[in-house]
Amino acid sequence: MEGVEWGVLKGASGMATVYLNEQQSIVKKRDEYLIVQYPDKRKTEVPLIKVSQVVVVGDITLTTPALHALLERGIEVCFLSFYGQFRGRLSPPIAKNAAIRRAQYRAHADPQQALQIAQACVRGKLANMRNSPGQPRERAIGKGCPRKRATKASSRGRPCLCRVER
């Protein structure tokens, strides 16, 4: 779907990530809104108060006032190529998610906490696989999982993700 999609990925705060993906569009700022002008002269208004992040895909122009408004409100802008390849990120001096990033780095540095997070991710992925239509149950729960090797690894005192699939 081309155009501006906002409100698609709402976080707990009710804020949304704005995806700009209609090529040759221009994004301007007017009052407390981002105005997206499409090549065919259509316009869409997005209230800045509801925006947590902007993702720009491909050839889209953001005016300087629009960029300033986003940065003043602590809103990051992520730039992707037309094919979705990451190009870069424009971040305000103090991003809204700075505290979250610090906590993620601390968790990564603590092997026990990192293992717990990895186990939770694996559990979630397996639960999603079990619940997705068209997935054979045997494949979803890891038939043929090398349990003996996993048990040996955990018995040597190394943390592992074995037996998470149950």
C-alpha atoms as a PDB file:
ATOM      1  CA  MET A   1       0.000   0.000   0.000  1.00  0.00           C
ATOM      2  CA  GLU A   2       1.496   3.311  -0.987  1.00  0.00           C
ATOM      3  CA  GLY A   3       1.093   6.611   0.777  1.00  0.00           C
ATOM      4  CA  VAL A   4       1.316   7.552   4.388  1.00  0.00           C
ATOM      5  CA  GLU A   5       0.407   4.977   6.958  1.00  0.00           C
ATOM      6  CA  TRP A   6       0.177   6.208  10.483  1.00  0.00           C
ATOM      7  CA  GLY A   7      -1.324   4.642  13.537  1.00  0.00           C
ATOM      8  CA  VAL A   8      -0.339   1.248  12.181  1.00  0.00           C
ATOM      9  CA  LEU A   9       2.260   0.542  14.846  1.00  0.00           C
ATOM     10  CA  LYS A  10       0.980   2.158  18.006  1.00  0.00           C
ATOM     11  CA  GLY A  11       3.039   1.738  21.138  1.00  0.00           C
ATOM     12  CA  ALA A  12       1.805   1.585  24.700  1.00  0.00           C
ATOM     13  CA  SER A  13       1.683   5.382  24.819  1.00  0.00           C
ATOM     14  CA  GLY A  14      -0.746   5.572  21.883  1.00  0.00           C
ATOM     15  CA  MET A  15       1.954   7.140  19.722  1.00  0.00           C
ATOM     16  CA  ALA A  16       2.431   5.920  16.153  1.00  0.00           C
ATOM     17  CA  THR A  17       5.232   5.302  13.705  1.00  0.00           C
ATOM     18  CA  VAL A  18       4.604   7.166  10.455  1.00  0.00           C
ATOM     19  CA  TYR A  19       5.658   5.336   7.287  1.00  0.00           C
ATOM     20  CA  LEU A  20       6.184   7.559   4.258  1.00  0.00           C
ATOM     21  CA  ASN A  21       6.457   5.417   1.149  1.00  0.00           C
ATOM     22  CA  GLU A  22       4.761   7.148  -1.775  1.00  0.00           C
ATOM     23  CA  GLN A  23       7.578   8.245  -4.071  1.00  0.00           C
ATOM     24  CA  GLN A  24       8.000  11.929  -4.989  1.00  0.00           C
ATOM     25  CA  SER A  25       5.924  13.056  -1.976  1.00  0.00           C
ATOM     26  CA  ILE A  26       6.777  16.203  -0.047  1.00  0.00           C
ATOM     27  CA  VAL A  27       6.379  16.508   3.728  1.00  0.00           C
ATOM     28  CA  LYS A  28       5.848  19.995   5.163  1.00  0.00           C
ATOM     29  CA  LYS A  29       4.973  21.374   8.577  1.00  0.00           C
ATOM     30  CA  ARG A  30       1.915  23.515   9.241  1.00  0.00           C
ATOM     31  CA  ASP A  31       0.976  24.445  12.793  1.00  0.00           C
ATOM     32  CA  GLU A  32       1.126  21.187  14.763  1.00  0.00           C
ATOM     33  CA  TYR A  33       0.716  18.908  11.740  1.00  0.00           C
ATOM     34  CA  LEU A  34       2.874  17.211   9.155  1.00  0.00           C
ATOM     35  CA  ILE A  35       1.308  17.783   5.740  1.00  0.00           C
ATOM     36  CA  VAL A  36       2.095  15.079   3.178  1.00  0.00           C
ATOM     37  CA  GLN A  37       1.618  16.281  -0.412  1.00  0.00           C
ATOM     38  CA  TYR A  38       1.447  13.529  -2.999  1.00  0.00           C
ATOM     39  CA  PRO A  39       2.441  13.930  -6.668  1.00  0.00           C
ATOM     40  CA  ASP A  40      -1.228  13.748  -7.706  1.00  0.00           C
ATOM     41  CA  LYS A  41      -1.990  16.802  -5.454  1.00  0.00           C
ATOM     42  CA  ARG A  42      -3.708  14.828  -2.663  1.00  0.00           C
ATOM     43  CA  LYS A  43      -2.810  15.852   0.898  1.00  0.00           C
ATOM     44  CA  THR A  44      -2.787  14.081   4.239  1.00  0.00           C
ATOM     45  CA  GLU A  45      -2.456  15.718   7.649  1.00  0.00           C
ATOM     46  CA  VAL A  46      -0.731  13.889  10.487  1.00  0.00           C
ATOM     47  CA  PRO A  47      -0.904  15.417  13.987  1.00  0.00           C
ATOM     48  CA  LEU A  48       2.634  15.730  15.384  1.00  0.00           C
ATOM     49  CA  ILE A  49       1.414  14.936  18.886  1.00  0.00           C
ATOM     50  CA  LYS A  50       0.596  11.375  17.781  1.00  0.00           C
ATOM     51  CA  VAL A  51       3.957  10.668  16.120  1.00  0.00           C
ATOM     52  CA  SER A  52       6.735   8.736  17.860  1.00  0.00           C
ATOM     53  CA  GLN A  53       8.948   8.006  14.825  1.00  0.00           C
ATOM     54  CA  VAL A  54       9.013   8.654  11.068  1.00  0.00           C
ATOM     55  CA  VAL A  55      10.263   6.082   8.538  1.00  0.00           C
ATOM     56  CA  VAL A  56      11.057   7.476   5.077  1.00  0.00           C
ATOM     57  CA  VAL A  57      11.173   4.865   2.302  1.00  0.00           C
ATOM     58  CA  GLY A  58      12.707   5.941  -1.001  1.00  0.00           C
ATOM     59  CA  ASP A  59      12.490   9.307  -2.761  1.00  0.00           C
ATOM     60  CA  ILE A  60      10.529  11.530  -0.384  1.00  0.00           C
ATOM     61  CA  THR A  61      11.345  15.126   0.536  1.00  0.00           C
ATOM     62  CA  LEU A  62      11.061  16.481   4.080  1.00  0.00           C
ATOM     63  CA  THR A  63      11.302  20.258   4.334  1.00  0.00           C
ATOM     64  CA  THR A  64      13.645  21.881   6.836  1.00  0.00           C
ATOM     65  CA  PRO A  65      10.742  23.173   9.007  1.00  0.00           C
ATOM     66  CA  ALA A  66       9.292  19.649   9.107  1.00  0.00           C
ATOM     67  CA  LEU A  67      12.648  18.193  10.176  1.00  0.00           C
ATOM     68  CA  HIS A  68      13.093  20.919  12.811  1.00  0.00           C
ATOM     69  CA  ALA A  69       9.616  20.238  14.229  1.00  0.00           C
ATOM     70  CA  LEU A  70      10.346  16.517  14.469  1.00  0.00           C
ATOM     71  CA  LEU A  71      13.711  17.057  16.167  1.00  0.00           C
ATOM     72  CA  GLU A  72      12.280  19.627  18.617  1.00  0.00           C
ATOM     73  CA  ARG A  73       9.748  17.014  19.735  1.00  0.00           C
ATOM     74  CA  GLY A  74      12.376  14.281  20.120  1.00  0.00           C
ATOM     75  CA  ILE A  75      11.106  12.305  17.110  1.00  0.00           C
ATOM     76  CA  GLU A  76      13.632  10.222  15.173  1.00  0.00           C
ATOM     77  CA  VAL A  77      13.573   9.964  11.377  1.00  0.00           C
ATOM     78  CA  CYS A  78      14.795   6.729   9.810  1.00  0.00           C
ATOM     79  CA  PHE A  79      15.754   6.709   6.119  1.00  0.00           C
ATOM     80  CA  LEU A  80      15.457   3.564   3.988  1.00  0.00           C
ATOM     81  CA  SER A  81      16.116   2.990   0.305  1.00  0.00           C
ATOM     82  CA  PHE A  82      13.230   2.257  -2.050  1.00  0.00           C
ATOM     83  CA  TYR A  83      13.936  -1.446  -1.393  1.00  0.00           C
ATOM     84  CA  GLY A  84      13.975  -1.051   2.389  1.00  0.00           C
ATOM     85  CA  GLN A  85      17.749  -1.004   2.933  1.00  0.00           C
ATOM     86  CA  PHE A  86      18.762   1.108   5.933  1.00  0.00           C
ATOM     87  CA  ARG A  87      20.439   4.359   4.871  1.00  0.00           C
ATOM     88  CA  GLY A  88      20.649   6.300   8.118  1.00  0.00           C
ATOM     89  CA  ARG A  89      18.879   7.903  11.036  1.00  0.00           C
ATOM     90  CA  LEU A  90      18.351  11.491  12.090  1.00  0.00           C
ATOM     91  CA  SER A  91      18.153  11.618  15.876  1.00  0.00           C
ATOM     92  CA  PRO A  92      17.422  14.503  18.212  1.00  0.00           C
ATOM     93  CA  PRO A  93      20.102  15.331  20.826  1.00  0.00           C
ATOM     94  CA  ILE A  94      18.117  13.440  23.447  1.00  0.00           C
ATOM     95  CA  ALA A  95      16.006  10.721  21.889  1.00  0.00           C
ATOM     96  CA  LYS A  96      12.759   9.619  23.500  1.00  0.00           C
ATOM     97  CA  ASN A  97      14.053   6.069  23.759  1.00  0.00           C
ATOM     98  CA  ALA A  98      17.485   6.835  25.293  1.00  0.00           C
ATOM     99  CA  ALA A  99      16.585   5.225  28.633  1.00  0.00           C
ATOM    100  CA  ILE A 100      15.336   2.120  26.839  1.00  0.00           C
ATOM    101  CA  ARG A 101      18.572   1.844  24.829  1.00  0.00           C
ATOM    102  CA  ARG A 102      20.683   2.131  28.009  1.00  0.00           C
ATOM    103  CA  ALA A 103      18.666  -0.648  29.649  1.00  0.00           C
ATOM    104  CA  GLN A 104      19.107  -2.811  26.545  1.00  0.00           C
ATOM    105  CA  TYR A 105      22.886  -2.327  26.623  1.00  0.00           C
ATOM    106  CA  ARG A 106      22.994  -3.166  30.347  1.00  0.00           C
ATOM    107  CA  ALA A 107      20.965  -6.335  29.714  1.00  0.00           C
ATOM    108  CA  HIS A 108      23.298  -7.308  26.879  1.00  0.00           C
ATOM    109  CA  ALA A 109      26.327  -6.928  29.147  1.00  0.00           C
ATOM    110  CA  ASP A 110      24.826  -9.211  31.838  1.00  0.00           C
ATOM    111  CA  PRO A 111      25.086 -12.837  30.594  1.00  0.00           C
ATOM    112  CA  GLN A 112      22.314 -14.114  32.894  1.00  0.00           C
ATOM    113  CA  GLN A 113      19.844 -11.413  31.867  1.00  0.00           C
ATOM    114  CA  ALA A 114      20.805 -11.841  28.198  1.00  0.00           C
ATOM    115  CA  LEU A 115      20.082 -15.573  28.478  1.00  0.00           C
ATOM    116  CA  GLN A 116      16.674 -14.919  30.075  1.00  0.00           C
ATOM    117  CA  ILE A 117      15.753 -12.501  27.295  1.00  0.00           C
ATOM    118  CA  ALA A 118      16.905 -14.964  24.620  1.00  0.00           C
ATOM    119  CA  GLN A 119      14.844 -17.741  26.216  1.00  0.00           C
ATOM    120  CA  ALA A 120      11.776 -15.494  26.298  1.00  0.00           C
ATOM    121  CA  CYS A 121      12.275 -14.654  22.605  1.00  0.00           C
ATOM    122  CA  VAL A 122      12.563 -18.331  21.685  1.00  0.00           C
ATOM    123  CA  ARG A 123       9.443 -19.171  23.725  1.00  0.00           C
ATOM    124  CA  GLY A 124       7.521 -16.402  21.954  1.00  0.00           C
ATOM    125  CA  LYS A 125       8.670 -17.501  18.504  1.00  0.00           C
ATOM    126  CA  LEU A 126       7.722 -21.104  19.213  1.00  0.00           C
ATOM    127  CA  ALA A 127       4.325 -20.062  20.576  1.00  0.00           C
ATOM    128  CA  ASN A 128       3.712 -18.028  17.423  1.00  0.00           C
ATOM    129  CA  MET A 129       4.761 -20.956  15.236  1.00  0.00           C
ATOM    130  CA  ARG A 130       2.398 -23.290  17.078  1.00  0.00           C
ATOM    131  CA  ASN A 131      -0.485 -20.867  16.619  1.00  0.00           C
ATOM    132  CA  SER A 132       0.122 -19.998  12.993  1.00  0.00           C
ATOM    133  CA  PRO A 133      -2.119 -21.789  10.501  1.00  0.00           C
ATOM    134  CA  GLY A 134      -0.479 -24.217   8.122  1.00  0.00           C
ATOM    135  CA  GLN A 135       2.481 -25.021  10.390  1.00  0.00           C
ATOM    136  CA  PRO A 136       2.881 -28.735  11.024  1.00  0.00           C
ATOM    137  CA  ARG A 137       3.150 -29.228  14.788  1.00  0.00           C
ATOM    138  CA  GLU A 138       6.269 -31.381  14.493  1.00  0.00           C
ATOM    139  CA  ARG A 139       8.142 -28.686  12.603  1.00  0.00           C
ATOM    140  CA  ALA A 140       6.897 -25.955  14.896  1.00  0.00           C
ATOM    141  CA  ILE A 141       8.198 -27.555  18.095  1.00  0.00           C
ATOM    142  CA  GLY A 142      11.578 -28.457  16.708  1.00  0.00           C
ATOM    143  CA  LYS A 143      11.347 -32.140  15.797  1.00  0.00           C
ATOM    144  CA  GLY A 144      14.801 -33.566  15.651  1.00  0.00           C
ATOM    145  CA  CYS A 145      16.216 -31.044  18.097  1.00  0.00           C
ATOM    146  CA  PRO A 146      19.651 -32.323  19.184  1.00  0.00           C
ATOM    147  CA  ARG A 147      18.622 -32.784  22.818  1.00  0.00           C
ATOM    148  CA  LYS A 148      21.609 -34.930  23.737  1.00  0.00           C
ATOM    149  CA  ARG A 149      24.075 -32.310  22.534  1.00  0.00           C
ATOM    150  CA  ALA A 150      22.077 -29.537  24.232  1.00  0.00           C
ATOM    151  CA  THR A 151      21.975 -31.482  27.516  1.00  0.00           C
ATOM    152  CA  LYS A 152      25.726 -32.081  27.359  1.00  0.00           C
ATOM    153  CA  ALA A 153      26.333 -28.369  26.737  1.00  0.00           C
ATOM    154  CA  SER A 154      24.218 -27.350  29.737  1.00  0.00           C
ATOM    155  CA  SER A 155      25.803 -29.996  31.978  1.00  0.00           C
ATOM    156  CA  ARG A 156      29.229 -28.420  31.354  1.00  0.00           C
ATOM    157  CA  GLY A 157      28.019 -25.261  33.078  1.00  0.00           C
ATOM    158  CA  ARG A 158      27.449 -23.259  29.907  1.00  0.00           C
ATOM    159  CA  PRO A 159      24.133 -21.443  29.623  1.00  0.00           C
ATOM    160  CA  CYS A 160      22.023 -22.640  26.734  1.00  0.00           C
ATOM    161  CA  LEU A 161      18.558 -22.396  25.289  1.00  0.00           C
ATOM    162  CA  CYS A 162      17.838 -26.116  25.506  1.00  0.00           C
ATOM    163  CA  ARG A 163      14.399 -27.337  26.533  1.00  0.00           C
ATOM    164  CA  VAL A 164      12.845 -23.934  25.901  1.00  0.00           C
ATOM    165  CA  GLU A 165      10.635 -25.507  23.240  1.00  0.00           C
ATOM    166  CA  ARG A 166       8.483 -27.317  25.789  1.00  0.00           C
END
